[in-house]
Amino acid sequence: MAEERNRPAMPHHVILEGRSRLSVSGVEDVESFDESGVVLLTGKGPLIIRGAGLRVGKLSIDGGEIHVEGRVDAMQYEDLPEHKPGMWSRLFG
């Protein structure tokens, strides 16, 4: 776990070709996917891809790359959740 935190962030790129081919690098994990949506965890935050007939053409988590084919209607980054101190750290911190 400590190794993952010390690992430098992968470069993050998003390339959309004609709304039908999407390449994303800097992917750390794939949280979910189906034909209408893909949720990726990237070094820049969660990326939500919405569309129709989506399918994963290539996936390389070790290389941090994914290729999605189908009709891409929207892409949206979500904010990373801020770390909120727990009750014990507020009381004794």
PDB file of N, CA and C in Angstrom:
ATOM      1  N   MET A   1       0.815  -1.191   0.000  1.00  0.00           N
ATOM      2  CA  MET A   1       0.000   0.000   0.000  1.00  0.00           C
ATOM      3  C   MET A   1       0.860   1.257   0.000  1.00  0.00           C
ATOM      4  N   ALA A   2       1.921   1.265   0.815  1.00  0.00           N
ATOM      5  CA  ALA A   2       2.808   2.421   0.860  1.00  0.00           C
ATOM      6  C   ALA A   2       3.517   2.609  -0.467  1.00  0.00           C
ATOM      7  N   GLU A   3       3.797   1.510  -1.182  1.00  0.00           N
ATOM      8  CA  GLU A   3       4.435   1.607  -2.487  1.00  0.00           C
ATOM      9  C   GLU A   3       3.555   2.370  -3.459  1.00  0.00           C
ATOM     10  N   GLU A   4       2.234   2.147  -3.412  1.00  0.00           N
ATOM     11  CA  GLU A   4       1.312   2.825  -4.317  1.00  0.00           C
ATOM     12  C   GLU A   4       1.294   4.321  -4.054  1.00  0.00           C
ATOM     13  N   ARG A   5       1.367   4.741  -2.806  1.00  0.00           N
ATOM     14  CA  ARG A   5       1.345   6.160  -2.482  1.00  0.00           C
ATOM     15  C   ARG A   5       2.621   6.851  -2.936  1.00  0.00           C
ATOM     16  N   ASN A   6       3.748   6.152  -2.922  1.00  0.00           N
ATOM     17  CA  ASN A   6       5.020   6.744  -3.314  1.00  0.00           C
ATOM     18  C   ASN A   6       5.258   6.670  -4.815  1.00  0.00           C
ATOM     19  N   ARG A   7       4.428   5.943  -5.536  1.00  0.00           N
ATOM     20  CA  ARG A   7       4.571   5.805  -6.984  1.00  0.00           C
ATOM     21  C   ARG A   7       4.184   7.120  -7.651  1.00  0.00           C
ATOM     22  N   PRO A   8       5.008   7.612  -8.594  1.00  0.00           N
ATOM     23  CA  PRO A   8       4.652   8.858  -9.272  1.00  0.00           C
ATOM     24  C   PRO A   8       3.389   8.671 -10.112  1.00  0.00           C
ATOM     25  N   ALA A   9       2.609   9.742 -10.230  1.00  0.00           N
ATOM     26  CA  ALA A   9       1.365   9.686 -10.991  1.00  0.00           C
ATOM     27  C   ALA A   9       1.673   9.480 -12.470  1.00  0.00           C
ATOM     28  N   MET A  10       0.859   8.642 -13.112  1.00  0.00           N
ATOM     29  CA  MET A  10       1.010   8.398 -14.540  1.00  0.00           C
ATOM     30  C   MET A  10       0.493   9.607 -15.305  1.00  0.00           C
ATOM     31  N   PRO A  11       1.068   9.887 -16.472  1.00  0.00           N
ATOM     32  CA  PRO A  11       0.510  10.968 -17.298  1.00  0.00           C
ATOM     33  C   PRO A  11      -0.933  10.640 -17.666  1.00  0.00           C
ATOM     34  N   HIS A  12      -1.765  11.657 -17.695  1.00  0.00           N
ATOM     35  CA  HIS A  12      -3.191  11.456 -17.961  1.00  0.00           C
ATOM     36  C   HIS A  12      -3.570  12.172 -19.250  1.00  0.00           C
ATOM     37  N   HIS A  13      -4.106  11.407 -20.213  1.00  0.00           N
ATOM     38  CA  HIS A  13      -4.552  11.958 -21.484  1.00  0.00           C
ATOM     39  C   HIS A  13      -5.906  11.361 -21.834  1.00  0.00           C
ATOM     40  N   VAL A  14      -6.738  12.176 -22.471  1.00  0.00           N
ATOM     41  CA  VAL A  14      -8.034  11.721 -22.969  1.00  0.00           C
ATOM     42  C   VAL A  14      -8.102  12.101 -24.443  1.00  0.00           C
ATOM     43  N   ILE A  15      -8.301  11.110 -25.298  1.00  0.00           N
ATOM     44  CA  ILE A  15      -8.394  11.356 -26.740  1.00  0.00           C
ATOM     45  C   ILE A  15      -9.709  10.759 -27.230  1.00  0.00           C
ATOM     46  N   LEU A  16     -10.570  11.613 -27.786  1.00  0.00           N
ATOM     47  CA  LEU A  16     -11.850  11.176 -28.324  1.00  0.00           C
ATOM     48  C   LEU A  16     -11.826  11.384 -29.835  1.00  0.00           C
ATOM     49  N   GLU A  17     -12.050  10.313 -30.576  1.00  0.00           N
ATOM     50  CA  GLU A  17     -12.051  10.364 -32.032  1.00  0.00           C
ATOM     51  C   GLU A  17     -13.473  10.165 -32.538  1.00  0.00           C
ATOM     52  N   GLY A  18     -14.063  11.229 -33.077  1.00  0.00           N
ATOM     53  CA  GLY A  18     -15.369  11.138 -33.718  1.00  0.00           C
ATOM     54  C   GLY A  18     -16.492  10.628 -32.832  1.00  0.00           C
ATOM     55  N   ARG A  19     -16.410  10.830 -31.549  1.00  0.00           N
ATOM     56  CA  ARG A  19     -17.423  10.379 -30.576  1.00  0.00           C
ATOM     57  C   ARG A  19     -17.613   8.870 -30.554  1.00  0.00           C
ATOM     58  N   SER A  20     -16.712   8.113 -31.187  1.00  0.00           N
ATOM     59  CA  SER A  20     -16.900   6.667 -31.205  1.00  0.00           C
ATOM     60  C   SER A  20     -15.693   5.886 -30.702  1.00  0.00           C
ATOM     61  N   ARG A  21     -14.559   6.519 -30.553  1.00  0.00           N
ATOM     62  CA  ARG A  21     -13.357   5.859 -30.032  1.00  0.00           C
ATOM     63  C   ARG A  21     -12.720   6.751 -28.991  1.00  0.00           C
ATOM     64  N   LEU A  22     -12.582   6.214 -27.808  1.00  0.00           N
ATOM     65  CA  LEU A  22     -12.022   6.971 -26.692  1.00  0.00           C
ATOM     66  C   LEU A  22     -10.812   6.231 -26.136  1.00  0.00           C
ATOM     67  N   SER A  23      -9.710   6.959 -25.988  1.00  0.00           N
ATOM     68  CA  SER A  23      -8.504   6.413 -25.367  1.00  0.00           C
ATOM     69  C   SER A  23      -8.190   7.255 -24.144  1.00  0.00           C
ATOM     70  N   VAL A  24      -7.977   6.590 -23.023  1.00  0.00           N
ATOM     71  CA  VAL A  24      -7.665   7.287 -21.780  1.00  0.00           C
ATOM     72  C   VAL A  24      -6.414   6.654 -21.185  1.00  0.00           C
ATOM     73  N   SER A  25      -5.432   7.477 -20.833  1.00  0.00           N
ATOM     74  CA  SER A  25      -4.248   6.990 -20.134  1.00  0.00           C
ATOM     75  C   SER A  25      -4.235   7.602 -18.737  1.00  0.00           C
ATOM     76  N   GLY A  26      -3.413   7.049 -17.873  1.00  0.00           N
ATOM     77  CA  GLY A  26      -3.386   7.498 -16.482  1.00  0.00           C
ATOM     78  C   GLY A  26      -4.506   6.889 -15.663  1.00  0.00           C
ATOM     79  N   VAL A  27      -5.019   5.742 -16.114  1.00  0.00           N
ATOM     80  CA  VAL A  27      -6.118   5.057 -15.427  1.00  0.00           C
ATOM     81  C   VAL A  27      -5.541   4.185 -14.312  1.00  0.00           C
ATOM     82  N   GLU A  28      -6.043   4.379 -13.114  1.00  0.00           N
ATOM     83  CA  GLU A  28      -5.588   3.589 -11.966  1.00  0.00           C
ATOM     84  C   GLU A  28      -6.485   2.391 -11.701  1.00  0.00           C
ATOM     85  N   ASP A  29      -7.771   2.512 -12.042  1.00  0.00           N
ATOM     86  CA  ASP A  29      -8.708   1.410 -11.814  1.00  0.00           C
ATOM     87  C   ASP A  29      -9.975   1.663 -12.620  1.00  0.00           C
ATOM     88  N   VAL A  30     -10.693   0.593 -12.915  1.00  0.00           N
ATOM     89  CA  VAL A  30     -12.005   0.682 -13.550  1.00  0.00           C
ATOM     90  C   VAL A  30     -13.012   0.295 -12.480  1.00  0.00           C
ATOM     91  N   GLU A  31     -13.808   1.267 -12.062  1.00  0.00           N
ATOM     92  CA  GLU A  31     -14.766   1.014 -10.987  1.00  0.00           C
ATOM     93  C   GLU A  31     -15.979   0.253 -11.491  1.00  0.00           C
ATOM     94  N   SER A  32     -16.477   0.614 -12.674  1.00  0.00           N
ATOM     95  CA  SER A  32     -17.623  -0.104 -13.240  1.00  0.00           C
ATOM     96  C   SER A  32     -17.717   0.203 -14.724  1.00  0.00           C
ATOM     97  N   PHE A  33     -18.386  -0.690 -15.438  1.00  0.00           N
ATOM     98  CA  PHE A  33     -18.678  -0.416 -16.834  1.00  0.00           C
ATOM     99  C   PHE A  33     -19.840  -1.286 -17.302  1.00  0.00           C
ATOM    100  N   ASP A  34     -20.628  -0.720 -18.193  1.00  0.00           N
ATOM    101  CA  ASP A  34     -21.661  -1.431 -18.922  1.00  0.00           C
ATOM    102  C   ASP A  34     -21.861  -0.681 -20.235  1.00  0.00           C
ATOM    103  N   GLU A  35     -22.863  -1.053 -21.007  1.00  0.00           N
ATOM    104  CA  GLU A  35     -23.004  -0.451 -22.330  1.00  0.00           C
ATOM    105  C   GLU A  35     -23.433   1.013 -22.298  1.00  0.00           C
ATOM    106  N   SER A  36     -23.871   1.514 -21.133  1.00  0.00           N
ATOM    107  CA  SER A  36     -24.294   2.914 -21.061  1.00  0.00           C
ATOM    108  C   SER A  36     -23.357   3.800 -20.246  1.00  0.00           C
ATOM    109  N   GLY A  37     -22.360   3.212 -19.590  1.00  0.00           N
ATOM    110  CA  GLY A  37     -21.458   4.043 -18.809  1.00  0.00           C
ATOM    111  C   GLY A  37     -20.221   3.319 -18.333  1.00  0.00           C
ATOM    112  N   VAL A  38     -19.148   4.099 -18.171  1.00  0.00           N
ATOM    113  CA  VAL A  38     -17.876   3.588 -17.660  1.00  0.00           C
ATOM    114  C   VAL A  38     -17.401   4.564 -16.595  1.00  0.00           C
ATOM    115  N   VAL A  39     -16.980   4.042 -15.439  1.00  0.00           N
ATOM    116  CA  VAL A  39     -16.440   4.874 -14.375  1.00  0.00           C
ATOM    117  C   VAL A  39     -14.990   4.467 -14.165  1.00  0.00           C
ATOM    118  N   LEU A  40     -14.085   5.423 -14.408  1.00  0.00           N
ATOM    119  CA  LEU A  40     -12.653   5.183 -14.284  1.00  0.00           C
ATOM    120  C   LEU A  40     -12.093   5.995 -13.134  1.00  0.00           C
ATOM    121  N   LEU A  41     -11.141   5.442 -12.422  1.00  0.00           N
ATOM    122  CA  LEU A  41     -10.410   6.187 -11.412  1.00  0.00           C
ATOM    123  C   LEU A  41      -9.076   6.574 -12.030  1.00  0.00           C
ATOM    124  N   THR A  42      -8.832   7.877 -12.144  1.00  0.00           N
ATOM    125  CA  THR A  42      -7.606   8.373 -12.756  1.00  0.00           C
ATOM    126  C   THR A  42      -6.823   9.184 -11.731  1.00  0.00           C
ATOM    127  N   GLY A  43      -5.606   9.524 -12.088  1.00  0.00           N
ATOM    128  CA  GLY A  43      -4.795  10.366 -11.223  1.00  0.00           C
ATOM    129  C   GLY A  43      -5.364  11.763 -11.049  1.00  0.00           C
ATOM    130  N   LYS A  44      -6.287  12.157 -11.906  1.00  0.00           N
ATOM    131  CA  LYS A  44      -6.920  13.473 -11.841  1.00  0.00           C
ATOM    132  C   LYS A  44      -8.328  13.414 -11.277  1.00  0.00           C
ATOM    133  N   GLY A  45      -8.712  12.258 -10.742  1.00  0.00           N
ATOM    134  CA  GLY A  45     -10.030  12.089 -10.152  1.00  0.00           C
ATOM    135  C   GLY A  45     -10.862  11.104 -10.950  1.00  0.00           C
ATOM    136  N   PRO A  46     -12.028  10.745 -10.407  1.00  0.00           N
ATOM    137  CA  PRO A  46     -12.919   9.821 -11.115  1.00  0.00           C
ATOM    138  C   PRO A  46     -13.428  10.450 -12.412  1.00  0.00           C
ATOM    139  N   LEU A  47     -13.432   9.668 -13.483  1.00  0.00           N
ATOM    140  CA  LEU A  47     -13.925  10.107 -14.783  1.00  0.00           C
ATOM    141  C   LEU A  47     -15.119   9.227 -15.151  1.00  0.00           C
ATOM    142  N   ILE A  48     -16.262   9.870 -15.393  1.00  0.00           N
ATOM    143  CA  ILE A  48     -17.485   9.161 -15.752  1.00  0.00           C
ATOM    144  C   ILE A  48     -17.742   9.387 -17.237  1.00  0.00           C
ATOM    145  N   ILE A  49     -17.897   8.286 -17.962  1.00  0.00           N
ATOM    146  CA  ILE A  49     -18.164   8.333 -19.400  1.00  0.00           C
ATOM    147  C   ILE A  49     -19.558   7.771 -19.614  1.00  0.00           C
ATOM    148  N   ARG A  50     -20.414   8.527 -20.305  1.00  0.00           N
ATOM    149  CA  ARG A  50     -21.767   8.080 -20.583  1.00  0.00           C
ATOM    150  C   ARG A  50     -21.966   7.981 -22.085  1.00  0.00           C
ATOM    151  N   GLY A  51     -22.780   7.013 -22.495  1.00  0.00           N
ATOM    152  CA  GLY A  51     -23.048   6.859 -23.914  1.00  0.00           C
ATOM    153  C   GLY A  51     -23.951   5.675 -24.172  1.00  0.00           C
ATOM    154  N   ALA A  52     -23.812   5.081 -25.361  1.00  0.00           N
ATOM    155  CA  ALA A  52     -24.632   3.935 -25.750  1.00  0.00           C
ATOM    156  C   ALA A  52     -23.751   2.946 -26.501  1.00  0.00           C
ATOM    157  N   GLY A  53     -24.006   1.676 -26.271  1.00  0.00           N
ATOM    158  CA  GLY A  53     -23.243   0.635 -26.937  1.00  0.00           C
ATOM    159  C   GLY A  53     -21.765   0.653 -26.594  1.00  0.00           C
ATOM    160  N   LEU A  54     -21.441   1.115 -25.391  1.00  0.00           N
ATOM    161  CA  LEU A  54     -20.037   1.209 -24.987  1.00  0.00           C
ATOM    162  C   LEU A  54     -19.473  -0.173 -24.704  1.00  0.00           C
ATOM    163  N   ARG A  55     -18.258  -0.369 -25.153  1.00  0.00           N
ATOM    164  CA  ARG A  55     -17.560  -1.625 -24.873  1.00  0.00           C
ATOM    165  C   ARG A  55     -16.074  -1.315 -24.727  1.00  0.00           C
ATOM    166  N   VAL A  56     -15.427  -2.077 -23.879  1.00  0.00           N
ATOM    167  CA  VAL A  56     -14.001  -1.905 -23.645  1.00  0.00           C
ATOM    168  C   VAL A  56     -13.257  -2.701 -24.708  1.00  0.00           C
ATOM    169  N   GLY A  57     -12.488  -1.993 -25.542  1.00  0.00           N
ATOM    170  CA  GLY A  57     -11.732  -2.644 -26.596  1.00  0.00           C
ATOM    171  C   GLY A  57     -10.382  -3.129 -26.099  1.00  0.00           C
ATOM    172  N   LYS A  58      -9.729  -2.341 -25.265  1.00  0.00           N
ATOM    173  CA  LYS A  58      -8.416  -2.694 -24.726  1.00  0.00           C
ATOM    174  C   LYS A  58      -8.349  -2.158 -23.299  1.00  0.00           C
ATOM    175  N   LEU A  59      -7.806  -2.967 -22.421  1.00  0.00           N
ATOM    176  CA  LEU A  59      -7.664  -2.561 -21.028  1.00  0.00           C
ATOM    177  C   LEU A  59      -6.311  -3.017 -20.519  1.00  0.00           C
ATOM    178  N   SER A  60      -5.532  -2.076 -20.009  1.00  0.00           N
ATOM    179  CA  SER A  60      -4.242  -2.385 -19.414  1.00  0.00           C
ATOM    180  C   SER A  60      -4.102  -1.559 -18.151  1.00  0.00           C
ATOM    181  N   ILE A  61      -4.489  -2.142 -17.022  1.00  0.00           N
ATOM    182  CA  ILE A  61      -4.377  -1.419 -15.752  1.00  0.00           C
ATOM    183  C   ILE A  61      -2.911  -1.219 -15.388  1.00  0.00           C
ATOM    184  N   ASP A  62      -2.064  -2.225 -15.663  1.00  0.00           N
ATOM    185  CA  ASP A  62      -0.633  -2.072 -15.385  1.00  0.00           C
ATOM    186  C   ASP A  62      -0.047  -0.904 -16.165  1.00  0.00           C
ATOM    187  N   GLY A  63      -0.484  -0.745 -17.413  1.00  0.00           N
ATOM    188  CA  GLY A  63      -0.015   0.367 -18.243  1.00  0.00           C
ATOM    189  C   GLY A  63      -0.846   1.620 -18.074  1.00  0.00           C
ATOM    190  N   GLY A  64      -1.978   1.504 -17.343  1.00  0.00           N
ATOM    191  CA  GLY A  64      -2.828   2.661 -17.084  1.00  0.00           C
ATOM    192  C   GLY A  64      -3.575   3.156 -18.307  1.00  0.00           C
ATOM    193  N   GLU A  65      -3.971   2.247 -19.199  1.00  0.00           N
ATOM    194  CA  GLU A  65      -4.607   2.661 -20.444  1.00  0.00           C
ATOM    195  C   GLU A  65      -5.875   1.851 -20.711  1.00  0.00           C
ATOM    196  N   ILE A  66      -6.884   2.541 -21.255  1.00  0.00           N
ATOM    197  CA  ILE A  66      -8.125   1.882 -21.646  1.00  0.00           C
ATOM    198  C   ILE A  66      -8.600   2.491 -22.959  1.00  0.00           C
ATOM    199  N   HIS A  67      -9.191   1.645 -23.802  1.00  0.00           N
ATOM    200  CA  HIS A  67      -9.808   2.079 -25.053  1.00  0.00           C
ATOM    201  C   HIS A  67     -11.276   1.675 -24.987  1.00  0.00           C
ATOM    202  N   VAL A  68     -12.151   2.638 -25.224  1.00  0.00           N
ATOM    203  CA  VAL A  68     -13.591   2.401 -25.188  1.00  0.00           C
ATOM    204  C   VAL A  68     -14.152   2.721 -26.572  1.00  0.00           C
ATOM    205  N   GLU A  69     -15.009   1.843 -27.066  1.00  0.00           N
ATOM    206  CA  GLU A  69     -15.659   2.068 -28.354  1.00  0.00           C
ATOM    207  C   GLU A  69     -17.168   2.123 -28.146  1.00  0.00           C
ATOM    208  N   GLY A  70     -17.857   2.830 -29.007  1.00  0.00           N
ATOM    209  CA  GLY A  70     -19.298   3.025 -28.909  1.00  0.00           C
ATOM    210  C   GLY A  70     -19.603   4.506 -29.021  1.00  0.00           C
ATOM    211  N   ARG A  71     -20.846   4.880 -28.818  1.00  0.00           N
ATOM    212  CA  ARG A  71     -21.216   6.293 -28.909  1.00  0.00           C
ATOM    213  C   ARG A  71     -20.984   6.979 -27.566  1.00  0.00           C
ATOM    214  N   VAL A  72     -20.079   7.942 -27.530  1.00  0.00           N
ATOM    215  CA  VAL A  72     -19.776   8.691 -26.306  1.00  0.00           C
ATOM    216  C   VAL A  72     -20.630   9.956 -26.308  1.00  0.00           C
ATOM    217  N   ASP A  73     -21.497  10.086 -25.297  1.00  0.00           N
ATOM    218  CA  ASP A  73     -22.368  11.250 -25.184  1.00  0.00           C
ATOM    219  C   ASP A  73     -21.830  12.299 -24.216  1.00  0.00           C
ATOM    220  N   ALA A  74     -21.127  11.853 -23.169  1.00  0.00           N
ATOM    221  CA  ALA A  74     -20.645  12.801 -22.169  1.00  0.00           C
ATOM    222  C   ALA A  74     -19.473  12.211 -21.394  1.00  0.00           C
ATOM    223  N   MET A  75     -18.591  13.110 -20.949  1.00  0.00           N
ATOM    224  CA  MET A  75     -17.494  12.748 -20.051  1.00  0.00           C
ATOM    225  C   MET A  75     -17.468  13.792 -18.946  1.00  0.00           C
ATOM    226  N   GLN A  76     -17.320  13.334 -17.720  1.00  0.00           N
ATOM    227  CA  GLN A  76     -17.351  14.259 -16.596  1.00  0.00           C
ATOM    228  C   GLN A  76     -16.397  13.785 -15.512  1.00  0.00           C
ATOM    229  N   TYR A  77     -15.583  14.713 -15.003  1.00  0.00           N
ATOM    230  CA  TYR A  77     -14.730  14.421 -13.858  1.00  0.00           C
ATOM    231  C   TYR A  77     -15.487  14.750 -12.580  1.00  0.00           C
ATOM    232  N   GLU A  78     -15.338  13.903 -11.600  1.00  0.00           N
ATOM    233  CA  GLU A  78     -15.899  14.158 -10.280  1.00  0.00           C
ATOM    234  C   GLU A  78     -14.773  14.671  -9.392  1.00  0.00           C
ATOM    235  N   ASP A  79     -15.115  15.493  -8.426  1.00  0.00           N
ATOM    236  CA  ASP A  79     -14.116  15.972  -7.473  1.00  0.00           C
ATOM    237  C   ASP A  79     -13.683  14.830  -6.579  1.00  0.00           C
ATOM    238  N   LEU A  80     -12.405  14.850  -6.221  1.00  0.00           N
ATOM    239  CA  LEU A  80     -11.917  13.873  -5.257  1.00  0.00           C
ATOM    240  C   LEU A  80     -12.492  14.218  -3.892  1.00  0.00           C
ATOM    241  N   PRO A  81     -12.917  13.232  -3.129  1.00  0.00           N
ATOM    242  CA  PRO A  81     -13.445  13.540  -1.796  1.00  0.00           C
ATOM    243  C   PRO A  81     -12.335  14.096  -0.919  1.00  0.00           C
ATOM    244  N   GLU A  82     -12.653  15.178  -0.224  1.00  0.00           N
ATOM    245  CA  GLU A  82     -11.673  15.760   0.687  1.00  0.00           C
ATOM    246  C   GLU A  82     -11.575  14.898   1.926  1.00  0.00           C
ATOM    247  N   HIS A  83     -10.359  14.795   2.436  1.00  0.00           N
ATOM    248  CA  HIS A  83     -10.166  14.023   3.662  1.00  0.00           C
ATOM    249  C   HIS A  83     -10.686  14.845   4.832  1.00  0.00           C
ATOM    250  N   LYS A  84     -11.676  14.328   5.501  1.00  0.00           N
ATOM    251  CA  LYS A  84     -12.228  15.001   6.670  1.00  0.00           C
ATOM    252  C   LYS A  84     -11.716  14.276   7.902  1.00  0.00           C
ATOM    253  N   PRO A  85     -11.173  15.028   8.846  1.00  0.00           N
ATOM    254  CA  PRO A  85     -10.665  14.367  10.045  1.00  0.00           C
ATOM    255  C   PRO A  85     -11.784  13.677  10.810  1.00  0.00           C
ATOM    256  N   GLY A  86     -11.474  12.526  11.334  1.00  0.00           N
ATOM    257  CA  GLY A  86     -12.438  11.782  12.115  1.00  0.00           C
ATOM    258  C   GLY A  86     -12.659  12.398  13.488  1.00  0.00           C
ATOM    259  N   MET A  87     -13.636  11.841  14.188  1.00  0.00           N
ATOM    260  CA  MET A  87     -13.985  12.375  15.503  1.00  0.00           C
ATOM    261  C   MET A  87     -12.791  12.308  16.455  1.00  0.00           C
ATOM    262  N   TRP A  88     -12.052  11.196  16.452  1.00  0.00           N
ATOM    263  CA  TRP A  88     -10.945  11.048  17.394  1.00  0.00           C
ATOM    264  C   TRP A  88      -9.828  12.054  17.120  1.00  0.00           C
ATOM    265  N   SER A  89      -9.543  12.311  15.862  1.00  0.00           N
ATOM    266  CA  SER A  89      -8.469  13.276  15.570  1.00  0.00           C
ATOM    267  C   SER A  89      -8.910  14.704  15.910  1.00  0.00           C
ATOM    268  N   ARG A  90     -10.219  14.993  15.804  1.00  0.00           N
ATOM    269  CA  ARG A  90     -10.689  16.313  16.212  1.00  0.00           C
ATOM    270  C   ARG A  90     -10.608  16.475  17.722  1.00  0.00           C
ATOM    271  N   LEU A  91     -10.879  15.392  18.446  1.00  0.00           N
ATOM    272  CA  LEU A  91     -10.846  15.479  19.910  1.00  0.00           C
ATOM    273  C   LEU A  91      -9.415  15.503  20.461  1.00  0.00           C
ATOM    274  N   PHE A  92      -8.537  14.673  19.870  1.00  0.00           N
ATOM    275  CA  PHE A  92      -7.209  14.514  20.435  1.00  0.00           C
ATOM    276  C   PHE A  92      -6.109  15.071  19.539  1.00  0.00           C
ATOM    277  N   GLY A  93      -6.440  15.604  18.373  1.00  0.00           N
ATOM    278  CA  GLY A  93      -5.442  16.065  17.424  1.00  0.00           C
ATOM    279  C   GLY A  93      -5.072  17.454  17.655  1.00  0.00           C
TER     280      GLY A  93
END
